[in-house]
PDB file of N, CA and C in Angstrom:
ATOM      1  N   MET A   1       1.094  -1.215  -0.066  1.00  0.00           N
ATOM      2  CA  MET A   1      -0.154   0.114  -0.126  1.00  0.00           C
ATOM      3  C   MET A   1       0.557   1.127  -0.076  1.00  0.00           C
ATOM      4  N   GLN A   2       1.822   1.078   0.473  1.00  0.00           N
ATOM      5  CA  GLN A   2       2.661   2.186   1.051  1.00  0.00           C
ATOM      6  C   GLN A   2       3.562   2.947  -0.906  1.00  0.00           C
ATOM      7  N   ARG A   3       3.594   1.687  -1.722  1.00  0.00           N
ATOM      8  CA  ARG A   3       3.762   2.144  -2.872  1.00  0.00           C
ATOM      9  C   ARG A   3       2.918   2.795  -3.197  1.00  0.00           C
ATOM     10  N   TYR A   4       1.815   2.794  -3.472  1.00  0.00           N
ATOM     11  CA  TYR A   4       0.622   3.512  -4.272  1.00  0.00           C
ATOM     12  C   TYR A   4       0.549   5.091  -3.500  1.00  0.00           C
ATOM     13  N   LEU A   5       0.637   5.257  -2.252  1.00  0.00           N
ATOM     14  CA  LEU A   5       0.517   6.466  -1.299  1.00  0.00           C
ATOM     15  C   LEU A   5       1.646   7.029  -2.037  1.00  0.00           C
ATOM     16  N   LYS A   6       2.811   6.233  -1.856  1.00  0.00           N
ATOM     17  CA  LYS A   6       4.454   7.308  -2.610  1.00  0.00           C
ATOM     18  C   LYS A   6       3.778   8.055  -3.763  1.00  0.00           C
ATOM     19  N   ALA A   7       3.463   7.219  -4.873  1.00  0.00           N
ATOM     20  CA  ALA A   7       3.190   8.083  -6.236  1.00  0.00           C
ATOM     21  C   ALA A   7       1.945   8.749  -6.070  1.00  0.00           C
ATOM     22  N   ILE A   8       0.563   8.520  -5.507  1.00  0.00           N
ATOM     23  CA  ILE A   8       0.079   9.407  -5.172  1.00  0.00           C
ATOM     24  C   ILE A   8       0.273  10.905  -4.936  1.00  0.00           C
ATOM     25  N   ALA A   9       0.922  10.821  -3.577  1.00  0.00           N
ATOM     26  CA  ALA A   9       1.756  12.034  -3.177  1.00  0.00           C
ATOM     27  C   ALA A   9       2.544  12.597  -4.179  1.00  0.00           C
ATOM     28  N   ALA A  10       3.562  11.714  -5.276  1.00  0.00           N
ATOM     29  CA  ALA A  10       4.136  12.847  -5.689  1.00  0.00           C
ATOM     30  C   ALA A  10       3.413  13.386  -7.377  1.00  0.00           C
ATOM     31  N   ALA A  11       2.107  12.893  -7.159  1.00  0.00           N
ATOM     32  CA  ALA A  11       1.455  12.863  -8.398  1.00  0.00           C
ATOM     33  C   ALA A  11       0.465  14.347  -7.946  1.00  0.00           C
ATOM     34  N   VAL A  12       0.091  14.437  -6.923  1.00  0.00           N
ATOM     35  CA  VAL A  12      -0.468  15.248  -6.087  1.00  0.00           C
ATOM     36  C   VAL A  12       0.628  16.437  -6.415  1.00  0.00           C
ATOM     37  N   ALA A  13       1.743  16.332  -5.821  1.00  0.00           N
ATOM     38  CA  ALA A  13       2.666  17.508  -5.857  1.00  0.00           C
ATOM     39  C   ALA A  13       2.952  18.042  -6.793  1.00  0.00           C
ATOM     40  N   ALA A  14       3.189  16.854  -7.699  1.00  0.00           N
ATOM     41  CA  ALA A  14       3.772  17.783  -9.512  1.00  0.00           C
ATOM     42  C   ALA A  14       2.663  18.582 -10.072  1.00  0.00           C
ATOM     43  N   GLY A  15       1.168  18.035  -9.972  1.00  0.00           N
ATOM     44  CA  GLY A  15       0.134  18.648 -10.415  1.00  0.00           C
ATOM     45  C   GLY A  15       0.352  19.584  -9.821  1.00  0.00           C
ATOM     46  N   ALA A  16      -0.371  19.826  -8.476  1.00  0.00           N
ATOM     47  CA  ALA A  16      -0.100  21.161  -7.354  1.00  0.00           C
ATOM     48  C   ALA A  16       1.064  22.477  -7.874  1.00  0.00           C
ATOM     49  N   ALA A  17       2.266  21.642  -8.300  1.00  0.00           N
ATOM     50  CA  ALA A  17       3.123  23.274  -8.527  1.00  0.00           C
ATOM     51  C   ALA A  17       3.007  23.457 -10.115  1.00  0.00           C
ATOM     52  N   SER A  18       2.573  22.215 -10.994  1.00  0.00           N
ATOM     53  CA  SER A  18       2.475  22.592 -12.556  1.00  0.00           C
ATOM     54  C   SER A  18       1.075  23.836 -12.358  1.00  0.00           C
ATOM     55  N   LEU A  19      -0.077  23.152 -11.889  1.00  0.00           N
ATOM     56  CA  LEU A  19      -0.944  24.607 -11.765  1.00  0.00           C
ATOM     57  C   LEU A  19      -1.242  25.535 -11.145  1.00  0.00           C
ATOM     58  N   VAL A  20       0.021  25.761 -10.147  1.00  0.00           N
ATOM     59  CA  VAL A  20       0.216  26.964  -9.150  1.00  0.00           C
ATOM     60  C   VAL A  20       0.683  27.706 -10.543  1.00  0.00           C
ATOM     61  N   THR A  21       1.589  27.589 -11.167  1.00  0.00           N
ATOM     62  CA  THR A  21       2.530  28.201 -12.308  1.00  0.00           C
ATOM     63  C   THR A  21       1.600  28.473 -13.230  1.00  0.00           C
ATOM     64  N   ALA A  22       0.408  27.546 -13.875  1.00  0.00           N
ATOM     65  CA  ALA A  22      -0.311  27.704 -14.904  1.00  0.00           C
ATOM     66  C   ALA A  22      -1.071  28.851 -13.909  1.00  0.00           C
ATOM     67  N   LEU A  23      -1.406  29.258 -13.167  1.00  0.00           N
ATOM     68  CA  LEU A  23      -2.639  30.149 -12.623  1.00  0.00           C
ATOM     69  C   LEU A  23      -1.530  31.561 -12.255  1.00  0.00           C
ATOM     70  N   ASN A  24      -0.453  31.790 -12.677  1.00  0.00           N
ATOM     71  CA  ASN A  24       0.178  33.294 -12.041  1.00  0.00           C
ATOM     72  C   ASN A  24      -0.830  34.083 -12.613  1.00  0.00           C
ATOM     73  N   ASP A  25      -1.300  33.769 -14.369  1.00  0.00           N
ATOM     74  CA  ASP A  25      -2.103  34.858 -14.984  1.00  0.00           C
ATOM     75  C   ASP A  25      -3.680  34.936 -14.663  1.00  0.00           C
ATOM     76  N   GLY A  26      -3.979  33.708 -13.462  1.00  0.00           N
ATOM     77  CA  GLY A  26      -5.179  34.016 -13.050  1.00  0.00           C
ATOM     78  C   GLY A  26      -6.213  32.844 -13.926  1.00  0.00           C
ATOM     79  N   THR A  27      -6.023  32.656 -15.081  1.00  0.00           N
ATOM     80  CA  THR A  27      -6.307  31.232 -15.741  1.00  0.00           C
ATOM     81  C   THR A  27      -5.342  29.750 -16.224  1.00  0.00           C
ATOM     82  N   VAL A  28      -5.907  28.968 -16.834  1.00  0.00           N
ATOM     83  CA  VAL A  28      -5.659  27.888 -17.087  1.00  0.00           C
ATOM     84  C   VAL A  28      -5.824  27.662 -18.516  1.00  0.00           C
ATOM     85  N   THR A  29      -4.904  27.518 -19.769  1.00  0.00           N
ATOM     86  CA  THR A  29      -5.415  27.698 -20.986  1.00  0.00           C
ATOM     87  C   THR A  29      -5.225  26.187 -20.847  1.00  0.00           C
ATOM     88  N   GLY A  30      -5.610  25.232 -22.254  1.00  0.00           N
ATOM     89  CA  GLY A  30      -5.802  24.279 -22.728  1.00  0.00           C
ATOM     90  C   GLY A  30      -4.302  23.439 -22.545  1.00  0.00           C
ATOM     91  N   GLN A  31      -3.496  24.065 -22.961  1.00  0.00           N
ATOM     92  CA  GLN A  31      -1.768  23.604 -23.264  1.00  0.00           C
ATOM     93  C   GLN A  31      -1.641  23.616 -21.703  1.00  0.00           C
ATOM     94  N   GLU A  32      -1.873  24.573 -20.977  1.00  0.00           N
ATOM     95  CA  GLU A  32      -1.104  24.441 -19.375  1.00  0.00           C
ATOM     96  C   GLU A  32      -1.898  23.502 -18.531  1.00  0.00           C
ATOM     97  N   GLY A  33      -3.203  22.907 -19.154  1.00  0.00           N
ATOM     98  CA  GLY A  33      -3.960  21.803 -18.133  1.00  0.00           C
ATOM     99  C   GLY A  33      -3.859  20.561 -19.179  1.00  0.00           C
ATOM    100  N   VAL A  34      -3.412  20.412 -20.211  1.00  0.00           N
ATOM    101  CA  VAL A  34      -2.659  19.472 -20.374  1.00  0.00           C
ATOM    102  C   VAL A  34      -0.734  19.110 -20.053  1.00  0.00           C
ATOM    103  N   THR A  35      -0.354  20.096 -19.538  1.00  0.00           N
ATOM    104  CA  THR A  35       1.065  20.137 -19.186  1.00  0.00           C
ATOM    105  C   THR A  35       0.553  19.493 -18.121  1.00  0.00           C
ATOM    106  N   ALA A  36       0.046  20.003 -17.081  1.00  0.00           N
ATOM    107  CA  ALA A  36      -0.699  19.542 -15.409  1.00  0.00           C
ATOM    108  C   ALA A  36      -0.930  17.795 -15.621  1.00  0.00           C
ATOM    109  N   ALA A  37      -1.717  17.634 -16.567  1.00  0.00           N
ATOM    110  CA  ALA A  37      -1.975  16.563 -16.467  1.00  0.00           C
ATOM    111  C   ALA A  37      -0.798  15.257 -16.885  1.00  0.00           C
ATOM    112  N   LEU A  38       0.067  15.671 -17.731  1.00  0.00           N
ATOM    113  CA  LEU A  38       1.229  15.313 -18.230  1.00  0.00           C
ATOM    114  C   LEU A  38       2.264  15.089 -16.489  1.00  0.00           C
ATOM    115  N   ALA A  39       1.919  16.300 -16.026  1.00  0.00           N
ATOM    116  CA  ALA A  39       2.952  16.115 -14.980  1.00  0.00           C
ATOM    117  C   ALA A  39       2.656  14.970 -14.215  1.00  0.00           C
ATOM    118  N   VAL A  40       1.163  15.160 -13.653  1.00  0.00           N
ATOM    119  CA  VAL A  40       0.679  13.863 -12.713  1.00  0.00           C
ATOM    120  C   VAL A  40       0.924  12.592 -13.388  1.00  0.00           C
ATOM    121  N   LEU A  41       0.797  12.301 -14.428  1.00  0.00           N
ATOM    122  CA  LEU A  41       0.764  11.086 -15.136  1.00  0.00           C
ATOM    123  C   LEU A  41       2.204  10.270 -15.187  1.00  0.00           C
ATOM    124  N   ALA A  42       3.199  11.281 -15.472  1.00  0.00           N
ATOM    125  CA  ALA A  42       4.707  11.204 -15.201  1.00  0.00           C
ATOM    126  C   ALA A  42       4.918  10.878 -13.783  1.00  0.00           C
ATOM    127  N   ALA A  43       4.950  11.846 -12.959  1.00  0.00           N
ATOM    128  CA  ALA A  43       4.886  11.522 -11.572  1.00  0.00           C
ATOM    129  C   ALA A  43       4.201   9.747 -11.086  1.00  0.00           C
ATOM    130  N   LEU A  44       3.411   9.788 -11.536  1.00  0.00           N
ATOM    131  CA  LEU A  44       2.684   8.653 -11.116  1.00  0.00           C
ATOM    132  C   LEU A  44       3.326   7.453 -11.764  1.00  0.00           C
ATOM    133  N   GLY A  45       3.766   7.224 -12.858  1.00  0.00           N
ATOM    134  CA  GLY A  45       4.593   6.535 -13.479  1.00  0.00           C
ATOM    135  C   GLY A  45       6.216   6.114 -12.813  1.00  0.00           C
ATOM    136  N   ILE A  46       6.847   7.263 -12.661  1.00  0.00           N
ATOM    137  CA  ILE A  46       8.316   7.043 -12.499  1.00  0.00           C
ATOM    138  C   ILE A  46       7.986   6.790 -10.871  1.00  0.00           C
ATOM    139  N   THR A  47       7.191   7.499 -10.189  1.00  0.00           N
ATOM    140  CA  THR A  47       7.161   6.937  -8.901  1.00  0.00           C
ATOM    141  C   THR A  47       6.875   5.638  -8.427  1.00  0.00           C
ATOM    142  N   TRP A  48       6.078   5.036  -9.014  1.00  0.00           N
ATOM    143  CA  TRP A  48       5.243   3.645  -9.155  1.00  0.00           C
ATOM    144  C   TRP A  48       6.536   2.787  -9.462  1.00  0.00           C
ATOM    145  N   ALA A  49       7.012   2.983 -10.270  1.00  0.00           N
ATOM    146  CA  ALA A  49       8.146   2.156 -11.177  1.00  0.00           C
ATOM    147  C   ALA A  49       9.695   1.947 -10.317  1.00  0.00           C
ATOM    148  N   VAL A  50       9.896   2.763  -9.502  1.00  0.00           N
ATOM    149  CA  VAL A  50      10.877   3.153  -8.593  1.00  0.00           C
ATOM    150  C   VAL A  50      10.678   2.505  -7.402  1.00  0.00           C
ATOM    151  N   PRO A  51      11.109   1.285  -6.966  1.00  0.00           N
ATOM    152  CA  PRO A  51      11.149   0.406  -5.656  1.00  0.00           C
ATOM    153  C   PRO A  51      11.719   1.046  -4.823  1.00  0.00           C
ATOM    154  N   ASN A  52      10.873   1.104  -3.435  1.00  0.00           N
ATOM    155  CA  ASN A  52      11.272   1.184  -2.114  1.00  0.00           C
ATOM    156  C   ASN A  52      12.526   0.688  -1.266  1.00  0.00           C
ATOM    157  N   LYS A  53      13.731   1.465  -1.108  1.00  0.00           N
ATOM    158  CA  LYS A  53      14.672   1.067  -0.363  1.00  0.00           C
ATOM    159  C   LYS A  53      14.218   0.023   0.436  1.00  0.00           C
ATOM    160  N   PRO A  54      14.773  -1.146   0.412  1.00  0.00           N
ATOM    161  CA  PRO A  54      14.784  -2.384   1.518  1.00  0.00           C
ATOM    162  C   PRO A  54      14.822  -1.907   2.930  1.00  0.00           C
ATOM    163  N   ALA A  55      14.233  -2.294   3.462  1.00  0.00           N
ATOM    164  CA  ALA A  55      14.295  -2.176   4.971  1.00  0.00           C
ATOM    165  C   ALA A  55      15.908  -2.819   5.889  1.00  0.00           C
ATOM    166  N   PRO A  56      16.457  -2.123   6.466  1.00  0.00           N
ATOM    167  CA  PRO A  56      18.206  -2.947   6.907  1.00  0.00           C
ATOM    168  C   PRO A  56      17.123  -4.065   7.707  1.00  0.00           C
ATOM    169  N   PRO A  57      18.743  -4.807   7.978  1.00  0.00           N
ATOM    170  CA  PRO A  57      18.285  -5.984   8.680  1.00  0.00           C
ATOM    171  C   PRO A  57      18.334  -5.825  10.051  1.00  0.00           C
ATOM    172  N   THR A  58      17.297  -6.468  10.594  1.00  0.00           N
ATOM    173  CA  THR A  58      17.604  -6.293  12.346  1.00  0.00           C
ATOM    174  C   THR A  58      18.421  -7.310  13.137  1.00  0.00           C
ATOM    175  N   SER A  59      18.470  -7.097  13.667  1.00  0.00           N
ATOM    176  CA  SER A  59      19.660  -7.560  14.859  1.00  0.00           C
ATOM    177  C   SER A  59      19.030  -7.772  15.813  1.00  0.00           C
ATOM    178  N   ILE A  60      18.813  -8.915  16.826  1.00  0.00           N
ATOM    179  CA  ILE A  60      18.697 -10.107  17.710  1.00  0.00           C
ATOM    180  C   ILE A  60      19.696  -9.532  19.132  1.00  0.00           C
TER     181      ILE A  60
END
Protein backbone atom coordinates (compact mmCIF):
# COMPACT_ATOMS: atom_id res chain seq x y z
CA MET A 1 0.00 0.00 0.00
CA GLN A 2 2.90 2.37 0.72
CA ARG A 3 4.03 2.11 -2.89
CA TYR A 4 0.71 3.56 -4.08
CA LEU A 5 0.62 6.30 -1.46
CA LYS A 6 4.09 7.44 -2.47
CA ALA A 7 3.03 7.65 -6.12
CA ILE A 8 -0.19 9.48 -5.30
CA ALA A 9 1.66 12.02 -3.15
CA ALA A 10 4.17 12.62 -5.96
CA ALA A 11 1.35 13.06 -8.49
CA VAL A 12 -0.48 15.56 -6.28
CA ALA A 13 2.72 17.53 -5.72
CA ALA A 14 3.57 17.60 -9.44
CA GLY A 15 0.06 18.59 -10.44
CA ALA A 16 -0.15 21.28 -7.78
CA ALA A 17 3.21 22.76 -8.75
CA SER A 18 2.21 22.82 -12.40
CA LEU A 19 -1.17 24.41 -11.69
CA VAL A 20 0.30 27.06 -9.39
CA THR A 21 2.56 28.14 -12.23
CA ALA A 22 -0.33 28.01 -14.71
CA LEU A 23 -2.55 30.14 -12.48
CA ASN A 24 0.03 32.91 -12.31
CA ASP A 25 -2.02 34.94 -14.81
CA GLY A 26 -5.39 33.95 -13.32
CA THR A 27 -6.46 31.41 -15.96
CA VAL A 28 -5.49 27.93 -17.08
CA THR A 29 -5.23 27.50 -20.84
CA GLY A 30 -5.72 24.19 -22.59
CA GLN A 31 -1.99 23.77 -23.07
CA GLU A 32 -1.34 24.44 -19.37
CA GLY A 33 -4.01 21.89 -18.44
CA VAL A 34 -2.40 19.28 -20.67
CA THR A 35 0.98 20.07 -19.11
CA ALA A 36 -0.46 19.62 -15.61
CA ALA A 37 -2.07 16.31 -16.60
CA LEU A 38 1.18 15.05 -18.11
CA ALA A 39 3.08 16.08 -14.97
CA VAL A 40 0.65 14.06 -12.86
CA LEU A 41 0.90 11.00 -15.12
CA ALA A 42 4.71 11.21 -15.27
CA ALA A 43 4.98 11.48 -11.49
CA LEU A 44 2.65 8.51 -11.03
CA GLY A 45 4.54 6.34 -13.49
CA ILE A 46 8.05 7.21 -12.41
CA THR A 47 7.36 7.01 -8.68
CA TRP A 48 5.45 3.73 -8.97
CA ALA A 49 8.19 2.15 -11.09
CA VAL A 50 11.04 2.91 -8.68
CA PRO A 51 11.13 0.35 -5.86
CA ASN A 52 11.31 1.40 -2.24
CA LYS A 53 14.61 1.05 -0.43
CA PRO A 54 14.71 -2.31 1.35
CA ALA A 55 14.46 -2.24 5.12
CA PRO A 56 17.76 -2.80 6.93
CA PRO A 57 18.13 -6.17 8.64
CA THR A 58 17.19 -6.23 12.28
CA SER A 59 19.67 -7.58 14.79
CA ILE A 60 18.67 -9.76 17.69
